[in-house]
């Protein structure tokens, strides 16, 4: 696969993770102790930081965003382990964060090989 394919998979993982988090916050019932707007701000706002660089295909942004996504991976594993009900949102969070991490790293690697030749 070339760098373009890995970049497309990274974007799919990124936007899949973002949609999973938004739907996880908006669809199921939550405690009234936390407002939905605060959950959206805390959950989704960090993912908006690398958006411009990812859309422009900057390898440096893919690198640091992949480490940001590891926080979501850890959150998904913890929720998956602690969940007694619906586990689909944590499973999707783990899946999309893993997809983004692996494909972003491979995009960086193939992009670096392509720029050397």
PDB file of N, CA and C in Angstrom:
ATOM      1  N   UNK A   1       0.846  -1.186   0.000  1.00  0.00           N
ATOM      2  CA  UNK A   1       0.000   0.000   0.000  1.00  0.00           C
ATOM      3  C   UNK A   1       0.889   1.247   0.000  1.00  0.00           C
ATOM      4  N   UNK A   2       0.423   2.262  -0.670  1.00  0.00           N
ATOM      5  CA  UNK A   2       1.201   3.497  -0.690  1.00  0.00           C
ATOM      6  C   UNK A   2       0.732   4.440   0.426  1.00  0.00           C
ATOM      7  N   UNK A   3       1.383   5.577   0.516  1.00  0.00           N
ATOM      8  CA  UNK A   3       1.106   6.524   1.596  1.00  0.00           C
ATOM      9  C   UNK A   3      -0.329   7.039   1.544  1.00  0.00           C
ATOM     10  N   UNK A   4      -0.875   7.185   0.356  1.00  0.00           N
ATOM     11  CA  UNK A   4      -2.252   7.683   0.225  1.00  0.00           C
ATOM     12  C   UNK A   4      -3.279   6.748   0.837  1.00  0.00           C
ATOM     13  N   UNK A   5      -3.053   5.445   0.687  1.00  0.00           N
ATOM     14  CA  UNK A   5      -3.973   4.475   1.284  1.00  0.00           C
ATOM     15  C   UNK A   5      -3.911   4.537   2.813  1.00  0.00           C
ATOM     16  N   UNK A   6      -2.699   4.636   3.359  1.00  0.00           N
ATOM     17  CA  UNK A   6      -2.559   4.699   4.817  1.00  0.00           C
ATOM     18  C   UNK A   6      -3.168   5.987   5.358  1.00  0.00           C
ATOM     19  N   UNK A   7      -3.009   7.083   4.613  1.00  0.00           N
ATOM     20  CA  UNK A   7      -3.597   8.356   5.041  1.00  0.00           C
ATOM     21  C   UNK A   7      -5.119   8.262   5.040  1.00  0.00           C
ATOM     22  N   UNK A   8      -5.699   7.615   4.027  1.00  0.00           N
ATOM     23  CA  UNK A   8      -7.154   7.449   3.969  1.00  0.00           C
ATOM     24  C   UNK A   8      -7.651   6.605   5.134  1.00  0.00           C
ATOM     25  N   UNK A   9      -6.923   5.546   5.468  1.00  0.00           N
ATOM     26  CA  UNK A   9      -7.307   4.722   6.616  1.00  0.00           C
ATOM     27  C   UNK A   9      -7.166   5.487   7.927  1.00  0.00           C
ATOM     28  N   UNK A  10      -6.138   6.326   8.016  1.00  0.00           N
ATOM     29  CA  UNK A  10      -5.963   7.141   9.217  1.00  0.00           C
ATOM     30  C   UNK A  10      -7.121   8.121   9.371  1.00  0.00           C
ATOM     31  N   UNK A  11      -7.528   8.746   8.278  1.00  0.00           N
ATOM     32  CA  UNK A  11      -8.665   9.666   8.344  1.00  0.00           C
ATOM     33  C   UNK A  11      -9.962   8.936   8.675  1.00  0.00           C
ATOM     34  N   UNK A  12     -10.119   7.724   8.141  1.00  0.00           N
ATOM     35  CA  UNK A  12     -11.303   6.922   8.473  1.00  0.00           C
ATOM     36  C   UNK A  12     -11.334   6.598   9.964  1.00  0.00           C
ATOM     37  N   UNK A  13     -10.195   6.215  10.515  1.00  0.00           N
ATOM     38  CA  UNK A  13     -10.118   5.939  11.947  1.00  0.00           C
ATOM     39  C   UNK A  13     -10.365   7.182  12.783  1.00  0.00           C
ATOM     40  N   UNK A  14      -9.827   8.312  12.337  1.00  0.00           N
ATOM     41  CA  UNK A  14      -9.991   9.585  13.058  1.00  0.00           C
ATOM     42  C   UNK A  14     -11.457  10.016  13.092  1.00  0.00           C
ATOM     43  N   UNK A  15     -12.090  10.057  11.922  1.00  0.00           N
ATOM     44  CA  UNK A  15     -13.488  10.492  11.889  1.00  0.00           C
ATOM     45  C   UNK A  15     -14.422   9.446  12.487  1.00  0.00           C
ATOM     46  N   UNK A  16     -14.068   8.171  12.378  1.00  0.00           N
ATOM     47  CA  UNK A  16     -14.854   7.137  13.044  1.00  0.00           C
ATOM     48  C   UNK A  16     -14.800   7.286  14.559  1.00  0.00           C
ATOM     49  N   UNK A  17     -13.612   7.599  15.081  1.00  0.00           N
ATOM     50  CA  UNK A  17     -13.470   7.829  16.514  1.00  0.00           C
ATOM     51  C   UNK A  17     -14.273   9.043  16.948  1.00  0.00           C
ATOM     52  N   UNK A  18     -14.219  10.098  16.155  1.00  0.00           N
ATOM     53  CA  UNK A  18     -14.955  11.307  16.501  1.00  0.00           C
ATOM     54  C   UNK A  18     -16.471  11.055  16.496  1.00  0.00           C
ATOM     55  N   UNK A  19     -16.964  10.363  15.487  1.00  0.00           N
ATOM     56  CA  UNK A  19     -18.396  10.060  15.426  1.00  0.00           C
ATOM     57  C   UNK A  19     -18.822   9.107  16.535  1.00  0.00           C
ATOM     58  N   UNK A  20     -17.963   8.163  16.881  1.00  0.00           N
ATOM     59  CA  UNK A  20     -18.265   7.252  17.979  1.00  0.00           C
ATOM     60  C   UNK A  20     -18.400   8.020  19.295  1.00  0.00           C
ATOM     61  N   UNK A  21     -17.475   8.930  19.551  1.00  0.00           N
ATOM     62  CA  UNK A  21     -17.537   9.703  20.792  1.00  0.00           C
ATOM     63  C   UNK A  21     -18.765  10.600  20.838  1.00  0.00           C
ATOM     64  N   UNK A  22     -19.070  11.253  19.725  1.00  0.00           N
ATOM     65  CA  UNK A  22     -20.242  12.138  19.694  1.00  0.00           C
ATOM     66  C   UNK A  22     -21.518  11.341  19.910  1.00  0.00           C
ATOM     67  N   UNK A  23     -21.643  10.211  19.243  1.00  0.00           N
ATOM     68  CA  UNK A  23     -22.860   9.407  19.422  1.00  0.00           C
ATOM     69  C   UNK A  23     -22.919   8.782  20.810  1.00  0.00           C
ATOM     70  N   UNK A  24     -21.776   8.430  21.384  1.00  0.00           N
ATOM     71  CA  UNK A  24     -21.738   7.873  22.733  1.00  0.00           C
ATOM     72  C   UNK A  24     -22.206   8.904  23.753  1.00  0.00           C
ATOM     73  N   UNK A  25     -21.882  10.151  23.509  1.00  0.00           N
ATOM     74  CA  UNK A  25     -22.278  11.208  24.438  1.00  0.00           C
ATOM     75  C   UNK A  25     -23.734  11.610  24.229  1.00  0.00           C
ATOM     76  N   UNK A  26     -24.195  11.637  22.990  1.00  0.00           N
ATOM     77  CA  UNK A  26     -25.531  12.161  22.710  1.00  0.00           C
ATOM     78  C   UNK A  26     -26.651  11.122  22.783  1.00  0.00           C
ATOM     79  N   UNK A  27     -26.393   9.874  22.425  1.00  0.00           N
ATOM     80  CA  UNK A  27     -27.479   8.903  22.304  1.00  0.00           C
ATOM     81  C   UNK A  27     -27.929   8.260  23.618  1.00  0.00           C
ATOM     82  N   UNK A  28     -27.061   7.630  24.399  1.00  0.00           N
ATOM     83  CA  UNK A  28     -27.557   6.964  25.611  1.00  0.00           C
ATOM     84  C   UNK A  28     -27.865   7.953  26.736  1.00  0.00           C
ATOM     85  N   UNK A  29     -28.581   7.477  27.717  1.00  0.00           N
ATOM     86  CA  UNK A  29     -28.888   8.277  28.899  1.00  0.00           C
ATOM     87  C   UNK A  29     -27.654   8.418  29.767  1.00  0.00           C
ATOM     88  N   UNK A  30     -27.462   9.614  30.310  1.00  0.00           N
ATOM     89  CA  UNK A  30     -26.347   9.876  31.205  1.00  0.00           C
ATOM     90  C   UNK A  30     -26.873  10.458  32.509  1.00  0.00           C
ATOM     91  N   UNK A  31     -26.003  10.492  33.472  1.00  0.00           N
ATOM     92  CA  UNK A  31     -26.334  11.093  34.753  1.00  0.00           C
ATOM     93  C   UNK A  31     -26.565  12.590  34.569  1.00  0.00           C
ATOM     94  N   UNK A  32     -27.443  13.147  35.380  1.00  0.00           N
ATOM     95  CA  UNK A  32     -27.702  14.582  35.318  1.00  0.00           C
ATOM     96  C   UNK A  32     -26.598  15.393  35.982  1.00  0.00           C
ATOM     97  N   UNK A  33     -25.619  14.721  36.577  1.00  0.00           N
ATOM     98  CA  UNK A  33     -24.534  15.428  37.246  1.00  0.00           C
ATOM     99  C   UNK A  33     -23.594  16.126  36.268  1.00  0.00           C
ATOM    100  N   UNK A  34     -23.512  15.612  35.046  1.00  0.00           N
ATOM    101  CA  UNK A  34     -22.613  16.181  34.051  1.00  0.00           C
ATOM    102  C   UNK A  34     -23.425  16.651  32.849  1.00  0.00           C
ATOM    103  N   UNK A  35     -23.321  17.911  32.493  1.00  0.00           N
ATOM    104  CA  UNK A  35     -24.054  18.378  31.305  1.00  0.00           C
ATOM    105  C   UNK A  35     -23.444  17.810  30.025  1.00  0.00           C
ATOM    106  N   UNK A  36     -24.279  17.602  29.042  1.00  0.00           N
ATOM    107  CA  UNK A  36     -23.839  17.021  27.773  1.00  0.00           C
ATOM    108  C   UNK A  36     -22.802  17.922  27.106  1.00  0.00           C
ATOM    109  N   UNK A  37     -22.979  19.226  27.227  1.00  0.00           N
ATOM    110  CA  UNK A  37     -22.022  20.140  26.597  1.00  0.00           C
ATOM    111  C   UNK A  37     -20.622  19.979  27.202  1.00  0.00           C
ATOM    112  N   UNK A  38     -20.533  19.760  28.495  1.00  0.00           N
ATOM    113  CA  UNK A  38     -19.232  19.555  29.135  1.00  0.00           C
ATOM    114  C   UNK A  38     -18.609  18.238  28.676  1.00  0.00           C
ATOM    115  N   UNK A  39     -19.424  17.202  28.549  1.00  0.00           N
ATOM    116  CA  UNK A  39     -18.911  15.922  28.065  1.00  0.00           C
ATOM    117  C   UNK A  39     -18.400  16.040  26.626  1.00  0.00           C
ATOM    118  N   UNK A  40     -19.124  16.780  25.791  1.00  0.00           N
ATOM    119  CA  UNK A  40     -18.673  16.990  24.420  1.00  0.00           C
ATOM    120  C   UNK A  40     -17.373  17.783  24.381  1.00  0.00           C
ATOM    121  N   UNK A  41     -17.278  18.789  25.224  1.00  0.00           N
ATOM    122  CA  UNK A  41     -16.070  19.611  25.258  1.00  0.00           C
ATOM    123  C   UNK A  41     -14.862  18.789  25.689  1.00  0.00           C
ATOM    124  N   UNK A  42     -15.030  18.004  26.741  1.00  0.00           N
ATOM    125  CA  UNK A  42     -13.920  17.206  27.258  1.00  0.00           C
ATOM    126  C   UNK A  42     -13.591  16.041  26.327  1.00  0.00           C
ATOM    127  N   UNK A  43     -14.613  15.431  25.737  1.00  0.00           N
ATOM    128  CA  UNK A  43     -14.390  14.243  24.924  1.00  0.00           C
ATOM    129  C   UNK A  43     -13.947  14.508  23.502  1.00  0.00           C
ATOM    130  N   UNK A  44     -14.524  15.523  22.874  1.00  0.00           N
ATOM    131  CA  UNK A  44     -14.300  15.712  21.446  1.00  0.00           C
ATOM    132  C   UNK A  44     -13.336  16.857  21.143  1.00  0.00           C
ATOM    133  N   UNK A  45     -13.261  17.839  22.016  1.00  0.00           N
ATOM    134  CA  UNK A  45     -12.430  19.016  21.754  1.00  0.00           C
ATOM    135  C   UNK A  45     -10.951  18.682  21.484  1.00  0.00           C
ATOM    136  N   UNK A  46     -10.325  17.781  22.239  1.00  0.00           N
ATOM    137  CA  UNK A  46      -8.923  17.459  21.915  1.00  0.00           C
ATOM    138  C   UNK A  46      -8.733  16.877  20.513  1.00  0.00           C
ATOM    139  N   UNK A  47      -9.759  16.195  19.999  1.00  0.00           N
ATOM    140  CA  UNK A  47      -9.648  15.634  18.653  1.00  0.00           C
ATOM    141  C   UNK A  47      -9.711  16.703  17.570  1.00  0.00           C
ATOM    142  N   UNK A  48     -10.220  17.863  17.900  1.00  0.00           N
ATOM    143  CA  UNK A  48     -10.298  18.932  16.899  1.00  0.00           C
ATOM    144  C   UNK A  48      -8.952  19.626  16.692  1.00  0.00           C
ATOM    145  N   UNK A  49      -8.039  19.492  17.637  1.00  0.00           N
ATOM    146  CA  UNK A  49      -6.750  20.173  17.532  1.00  0.00           C
ATOM    147  C   UNK A  49      -5.937  19.756  16.294  1.00  0.00           C
ATOM    148  N   UNK A  50      -5.827  18.461  15.972  1.00  0.00           N
ATOM    149  CA  UNK A  50      -5.019  18.093  14.801  1.00  0.00           C
ATOM    150  C   UNK A  50      -5.793  18.066  13.481  1.00  0.00           C
ATOM    151  N   UNK A  51      -7.029  18.505  13.457  1.00  0.00           N
ATOM    152  CA  UNK A  51      -7.877  18.334  12.277  1.00  0.00           C
ATOM    153  C   UNK A  51      -7.279  18.963  11.021  1.00  0.00           C
ATOM    154  N   UNK A  52      -6.823  20.201  11.105  1.00  0.00           N
ATOM    155  CA  UNK A  52      -6.305  20.881   9.920  1.00  0.00           C
ATOM    156  C   UNK A  52      -5.068  20.173   9.353  1.00  0.00           C
ATOM    157  N   UNK A  53      -4.151  19.809  10.227  1.00  0.00           N
ATOM    158  CA  UNK A  53      -2.942  19.135   9.763  1.00  0.00           C
ATOM    159  C   UNK A  53      -3.224  17.762   9.177  1.00  0.00           C
ATOM    160  N   UNK A  54      -4.209  17.059   9.744  1.00  0.00           N
ATOM    161  CA  UNK A  54      -4.563  15.748   9.202  1.00  0.00           C
ATOM    162  C   UNK A  54      -5.185  15.883   7.825  1.00  0.00           C
ATOM    163  N   UNK A  55      -6.052  16.869   7.661  1.00  0.00           N
ATOM    164  CA  UNK A  55      -6.691  17.065   6.363  1.00  0.00           C
ATOM    165  C   UNK A  55      -5.687  17.502   5.299  1.00  0.00           C
ATOM    166  N   UNK A  56      -4.622  18.192   5.705  1.00  0.00           N
ATOM    167  CA  UNK A  56      -3.595  18.623   4.761  1.00  0.00           C
ATOM    168  C   UNK A  56      -2.513  17.565   4.573  1.00  0.00           C
ATOM    169  N   UNK A  57      -2.583  16.455   5.297  1.00  0.00           N
ATOM    170  CA  UNK A  57      -1.640  15.349   5.121  1.00  0.00           C
ATOM    171  C   UNK A  57      -0.261  15.608   5.687  1.00  0.00           C
ATOM    172  N   UNK A  58      -0.157  16.386   6.738  1.00  0.00           N
ATOM    173  CA  UNK A  58       1.145  16.691   7.330  1.00  0.00           C
ATOM    174  C   UNK A  58       1.608  15.517   8.204  1.00  0.00           C
ATOM    175  N   UNK A  59       2.759  14.941   7.904  1.00  0.00           N
ATOM    176  CA  UNK A  59       3.244  13.790   8.676  1.00  0.00           C
ATOM    177  C   UNK A  59       3.493  14.110  10.147  1.00  0.00           C
ATOM    178  N   UNK A  60       3.974  15.307  10.439  1.00  0.00           N
ATOM    179  CA  UNK A  60       4.224  15.682  11.835  1.00  0.00           C
ATOM    180  C   UNK A  60       2.926  15.673  12.644  1.00  0.00           C
ATOM    181  N   UNK A  61       1.850  16.171  12.052  1.00  0.00           N
ATOM    182  CA  UNK A  61       0.559  16.165  12.742  1.00  0.00           C
ATOM    183  C   UNK A  61       0.059  14.748  12.938  1.00  0.00           C
ATOM    184  N   UNK A  62       0.261  13.892  11.946  1.00  0.00           N
ATOM    185  CA  UNK A  62      -0.125  12.486  12.102  1.00  0.00           C
ATOM    186  C   UNK A  62       0.639  11.848  13.258  1.00  0.00           C
ATOM    187  N   UNK A  63       1.900  12.245  13.419  1.00  0.00           N
ATOM    188  CA  UNK A  63       2.724  11.650  14.476  1.00  0.00           C
ATOM    189  C   UNK A  63       2.205  12.028  15.860  1.00  0.00           C
ATOM    190  N   UNK A  64       2.029  13.319  16.124  1.00  0.00           N
ATOM    191  CA  UNK A  64       1.606  13.677  17.477  1.00  0.00           C
ATOM    192  C   UNK A  64       0.136  13.368  17.711  1.00  0.00           C
ATOM    193  N   UNK A  65      -0.687  13.371  16.662  1.00  0.00           N
ATOM    194  CA  UNK A  65      -2.099  13.010  16.841  1.00  0.00           C
ATOM    195  C   UNK A  65      -2.252  11.529  17.173  1.00  0.00           C
ATOM    196  N   UNK A  66      -1.344  10.711  16.672  1.00  0.00           N
ATOM    197  CA  UNK A  66      -1.427   9.281  16.983  1.00  0.00           C
ATOM    198  C   UNK A  66      -1.191   9.036  18.471  1.00  0.00           C
ATOM    199  N   UNK A  67      -0.345   9.861  19.078  1.00  0.00           N
ATOM    200  CA  UNK A  67      -0.136   9.716  20.517  1.00  0.00           C
ATOM    201  C   UNK A  67      -1.295  10.296  21.315  1.00  0.00           C
ATOM    202  N   UNK A  68      -1.944  11.297  20.785  1.00  0.00           N
ATOM    203  CA  UNK A  68      -3.163  11.828  21.417  1.00  0.00           C
ATOM    204  C   UNK A  68      -4.258  10.758  21.417  1.00  0.00           C
ATOM    205  N   UNK A  69      -4.348  10.014  20.334  1.00  0.00           N
ATOM    206  CA  UNK A  69      -5.382   8.994  20.195  1.00  0.00           C
ATOM    207  C   UNK A  69      -5.154   7.827  21.160  1.00  0.00           C
ATOM    208  N   UNK A  70      -3.919   7.649  21.618  1.00  0.00           N
ATOM    209  CA  UNK A  70      -3.671   6.592  22.598  1.00  0.00           C
ATOM    210  C   UNK A  70      -4.425   6.831  23.905  1.00  0.00           C
ATOM    211  N   UNK A  71      -4.695   8.087  24.233  1.00  0.00           N
ATOM    212  CA  UNK A  71      -5.534   8.383  25.409  1.00  0.00           C
ATOM    213  C   UNK A  71      -6.948   7.843  25.222  1.00  0.00           C
ATOM    214  N   UNK A  72      -7.468   7.981  24.018  1.00  0.00           N
ATOM    215  CA  UNK A  72      -8.799   7.447  23.723  1.00  0.00           C
ATOM    216  C   UNK A  72      -8.788   5.927  23.717  1.00  0.00           C
ATOM    217  N   UNK A  73      -7.696   5.334  23.270  1.00  0.00           N
ATOM    218  CA  UNK A  73      -7.555   3.881  23.322  1.00  0.00           C
ATOM    219  C   UNK A  73      -7.614   3.406  24.776  1.00  0.00           C
ATOM    220  N   UNK A  74      -6.854   4.075  25.639  1.00  0.00           N
ATOM    221  CA  UNK A  74      -6.852   3.697  27.061  1.00  0.00           C
ATOM    222  C   UNK A  74      -8.224   3.899  27.687  1.00  0.00           C
ATOM    223  N   UNK A  75      -8.895   4.980  27.327  1.00  0.00           N
ATOM    224  CA  UNK A  75     -10.244   5.218  27.844  1.00  0.00           C
ATOM    225  C   UNK A  75     -11.197   4.116  27.383  1.00  0.00           C
ATOM    226  N   UNK A  76     -11.099   3.733  26.120  1.00  0.00           N
ATOM    227  CA  UNK A  76     -11.976   2.683  25.598  1.00  0.00           C
ATOM    228  C   UNK A  76     -11.736   1.347  26.280  1.00  0.00           C
ATOM    229  N   UNK A  77     -10.472   1.003  26.536  1.00  0.00           N
ATOM    230  CA  UNK A  77     -10.164  -0.252  27.231  1.00  0.00           C
ATOM    231  C   UNK A  77     -10.746  -0.222  28.645  1.00  0.00           C
ATOM    232  N   UNK A  78     -10.581   0.898  29.336  1.00  0.00           N
ATOM    233  CA  UNK A  78     -11.121   1.013  30.696  1.00  0.00           C
ATOM    234  C   UNK A  78     -12.631   0.919  30.734  1.00  0.00           C
ATOM    235  N   UNK A  79     -13.290   1.593  29.795  1.00  0.00           N
ATOM    236  CA  UNK A  79     -14.759   1.528  29.737  1.00  0.00           C
ATOM    237  C   UNK A  79     -15.241   0.138  29.345  1.00  0.00           C
ATOM    238  N   UNK A  80     -14.518  -0.499  28.449  1.00  0.00           N
ATOM    239  CA  UNK A  80     -14.874  -1.848  28.018  1.00  0.00           C
ATOM    240  C   UNK A  80     -14.777  -2.817  29.196  1.00  0.00           C
ATOM    241  N   UNK A  81     -13.727  -2.683  29.975  1.00  0.00           N
ATOM    242  CA  UNK A  81     -13.528  -3.550  31.132  1.00  0.00           C
ATOM    243  C   UNK A  81     -14.571  -3.286  32.216  1.00  0.00           C
ATOM    244  N   UNK A  82     -14.907  -2.025  32.453  1.00  0.00           N
ATOM    245  CA  UNK A  82     -15.808  -1.662  33.544  1.00  0.00           C
ATOM    246  C   UNK A  82     -17.279  -1.725  33.162  1.00  0.00           C
ATOM    247  N   UNK A  83     -17.566  -1.838  31.877  1.00  0.00           N
ATOM    248  CA  UNK A  83     -18.958  -1.787  31.419  1.00  0.00           C
ATOM    249  C   UNK A  83     -19.686  -3.079  31.736  1.00  0.00           C
ATOM    250  N   UNK A  84     -20.890  -2.905  32.259  1.00  0.00           N
ATOM    251  CA  UNK A  84     -21.725  -4.074  32.507  1.00  0.00           C
ATOM    252  C   UNK A  84     -22.897  -4.124  31.531  1.00  0.00           C
ATOM    253  N   UNK A  85     -23.097  -3.049  30.791  1.00  0.00           N
ATOM    254  CA  UNK A  85     -24.209  -2.979  29.848  1.00  0.00           C
ATOM    255  C   UNK A  85     -23.734  -3.038  28.414  1.00  0.00           C
ATOM    256  N   UNK A  86     -24.061  -2.006  27.680  1.00  0.00           N
ATOM    257  CA  UNK A  86     -23.727  -1.912  26.266  1.00  0.00           C
ATOM    258  C   UNK A  86     -22.226  -1.673  26.084  1.00  0.00           C
ATOM    259  N   UNK A  87     -21.567  -2.590  25.394  1.00  0.00           N
ATOM    260  CA  UNK A  87     -20.116  -2.449  25.214  1.00  0.00           C
ATOM    261  C   UNK A  87     -19.755  -1.989  23.814  1.00  0.00           C
ATOM    262  N   UNK A  88     -20.720  -1.674  22.973  1.00  0.00           N
ATOM    263  CA  UNK A  88     -20.410  -1.335  21.585  1.00  0.00           C
ATOM    264  C   UNK A  88     -19.647  -0.030  21.454  1.00  0.00           C
ATOM    265  N   UNK A  89     -19.959   0.965  22.254  1.00  0.00           N
ATOM    266  CA  UNK A  89     -19.231   2.231  22.160  1.00  0.00           C
ATOM    267  C   UNK A  89     -17.763   2.080  22.569  1.00  0.00           C
ATOM    268  N   UNK A  90     -17.455   1.409  23.677  1.00  0.00           N
ATOM    269  CA  UNK A  90     -16.035   1.207  23.984  1.00  0.00           C
ATOM    270  C   UNK A  90     -15.296   0.353  22.949  1.00  0.00           C
ATOM    271  N   UNK A  91     -15.962  -0.640  22.409  1.00  0.00           N
ATOM    272  CA  UNK A  91     -15.334  -1.480  21.387  1.00  0.00           C
ATOM    273  C   UNK A  91     -15.021  -0.656  20.144  1.00  0.00           C
ATOM    274  N   UNK A  92     -15.961   0.176  19.734  1.00  0.00           N
ATOM    275  CA  UNK A  92     -15.722   1.039  18.576  1.00  0.00           C
ATOM    276  C   UNK A  92     -14.625   2.062  18.854  1.00  0.00           C
ATOM    277  N   UNK A  93     -14.576   2.585  20.080  1.00  0.00           N
ATOM    278  CA  UNK A  93     -13.525   3.530  20.429  1.00  0.00           C
ATOM    279  C   UNK A  93     -12.148   2.874  20.342  1.00  0.00           C
ATOM    280  N   UNK A  94     -12.040   1.663  20.842  1.00  0.00           N
ATOM    281  CA  UNK A  94     -10.771   0.930  20.769  1.00  0.00           C
ATOM    282  C   UNK A  94     -10.431   0.612  19.316  1.00  0.00           C
ATOM    283  N   UNK A  95     -11.412   0.188  18.544  1.00  0.00           N
ATOM    284  CA  UNK A  95     -11.176  -0.167  17.144  1.00  0.00           C
ATOM    285  C   UNK A  95     -10.693   1.034  16.334  1.00  0.00           C
ATOM    286  N   UNK A  96     -11.415   2.150  16.416  1.00  0.00           N
ATOM    287  CA  UNK A  96     -11.058   3.316  15.607  1.00  0.00           C
ATOM    288  C   UNK A  96      -9.755   3.968  16.069  1.00  0.00           C
ATOM    289  N   UNK A  97      -9.512   3.979  17.374  1.00  0.00           N
ATOM    290  CA  UNK A  97      -8.243   4.554  17.837  1.00  0.00           C
ATOM    291  C   UNK A  97      -7.067   3.677  17.421  1.00  0.00           C
ATOM    292  N   UNK A  98      -7.244   2.369  17.450  1.00  0.00           N
ATOM    293  CA  UNK A  98      -6.189   1.463  16.970  1.00  0.00           C
ATOM    294  C   UNK A  98      -5.969   1.628  15.473  1.00  0.00           C
ATOM    295  N   UNK A  99      -7.062   1.738  14.737  1.00  0.00           N
ATOM    296  CA  UNK A  99      -6.972   1.927  13.292  1.00  0.00           C
ATOM    297  C   UNK A  99      -6.207   3.205  12.963  1.00  0.00           C
ATOM    298  N   UNK A 100      -6.534   4.278  13.666  1.00  0.00           N
ATOM    299  CA  UNK A 100      -5.849   5.540  13.405  1.00  0.00           C
ATOM    300  C   UNK A 100      -4.370   5.435  13.757  1.00  0.00           C
ATOM    301  N   UNK A 101      -4.062   4.878  14.917  1.00  0.00           N
ATOM    302  CA  UNK A 101      -2.674   4.806  15.360  1.00  0.00           C
ATOM    303  C   UNK A 101      -1.810   4.031  14.371  1.00  0.00           C
ATOM    304  N   UNK A 102      -2.249   2.848  14.008  1.00  0.00           N
ATOM    305  CA  UNK A 102      -1.456   1.995  13.124  1.00  0.00           C
ATOM    306  C   UNK A 102      -1.327   2.617  11.738  1.00  0.00           C
ATOM    307  N   UNK A 103      -2.425   3.092  11.183  1.00  0.00           N
ATOM    308  CA  UNK A 103      -2.355   3.638   9.829  1.00  0.00           C
ATOM    309  C   UNK A 103      -1.614   4.969   9.789  1.00  0.00           C
ATOM    310  N   UNK A 104      -1.680   5.774  10.840  1.00  0.00           N
ATOM    311  CA  UNK A 104      -0.914   7.014  10.877  1.00  0.00           C
ATOM    312  C   UNK A 104       0.582   6.720  10.944  1.00  0.00           C
ATOM    313  N   UNK A 105       0.963   5.724  11.736  1.00  0.00           N
ATOM    314  CA  UNK A 105       2.374   5.360  11.803  1.00  0.00           C
ATOM    315  C   UNK A 105       2.869   4.816  10.455  1.00  0.00           C
ATOM    316  N   UNK A 106       2.060   4.021   9.798  1.00  0.00           N
ATOM    317  CA  UNK A 106       2.451   3.491   8.488  1.00  0.00           C
ATOM    318  C   UNK A 106       2.447   4.580   7.423  1.00  0.00           C
ATOM    319  N   UNK A 107       1.554   5.558   7.548  1.00  0.00           N
ATOM    320  CA  UNK A 107       1.568   6.699   6.629  1.00  0.00           C
ATOM    321  C   UNK A 107       2.866   7.489   6.779  1.00  0.00           C
ATOM    322  N   UNK A 108       3.274   7.708   8.005  1.00  0.00           N
ATOM    323  CA  UNK A 108       4.517   8.443   8.244  1.00  0.00           C
ATOM    324  C   UNK A 108       5.707   7.667   7.669  1.00  0.00           C
ATOM    325  N   UNK A 109       5.720   6.358   7.893  1.00  0.00           N
ATOM    326  CA  UNK A 109       6.819   5.531   7.415  1.00  0.00           C
ATOM    327  C   UNK A 109       6.874   5.509   5.880  1.00  0.00           C
ATOM    328  N   UNK A 110       5.749   5.284   5.211  1.00  0.00           N
ATOM    329  CA  UNK A 110       5.756   5.240   3.756  1.00  0.00           C
ATOM    330  C   UNK A 110       5.965   6.622   3.147  1.00  0.00           C
ATOM    331  N   UNK A 111       5.510   7.656   3.812  1.00  0.00           N
ATOM    332  CA  UNK A 111       5.718   9.016   3.328  1.00  0.00           C
ATOM    333  C   UNK A 111       7.199   9.385   3.420  1.00  0.00           C
ATOM    334  N   UNK A 112       7.865   8.947   4.456  1.00  0.00           N
ATOM    335  CA  UNK A 112       9.297   9.218   4.608  1.00  0.00           C
ATOM    336  C   UNK A 112      10.100   8.456   3.556  1.00  0.00           C
ATOM    337  N   UNK A 113       9.700   7.224   3.245  1.00  0.00           N
ATOM    338  CA  UNK A 113      10.394   6.461   2.209  1.00  0.00           C
ATOM    339  C   UNK A 113      10.198   7.093   0.837  1.00  0.00           C
ATOM    340  N   UNK A 114       8.991   7.606   0.593  1.00  0.00           N
ATOM    341  CA  UNK A 114       8.714   8.228  -0.693  1.00  0.00           C
ATOM    342  C   UNK A 114       9.449   9.537  -0.889  1.00  0.00           C
ATOM    343  N   UNK A 115       9.732  10.252   0.183  1.00  0.00           N
ATOM    344  CA  UNK A 115      10.410  11.546   0.056  1.00  0.00           C
ATOM    345  C   UNK A 115      11.920  11.390  -0.096  1.00  0.00           C
ATOM    346  N   UNK A 116      12.477  10.234   0.263  1.00  0.00           N
ATOM    347  CA  UNK A 116      13.926   9.995   0.142  1.00  0.00           C
ATOM    348  C   UNK A 116      14.343   9.696  -1.293  1.00  0.00           C
ATOM    349  N   UNK A 117      13.454   9.097  -2.055  1.00  0.00           N
ATOM    350  CA  UNK A 117      13.864   8.673  -3.411  1.00  0.00           C
ATOM    351  C   UNK A 117      13.660   9.738  -4.448  1.00  0.00           C
TER     352      UNK A 117
END
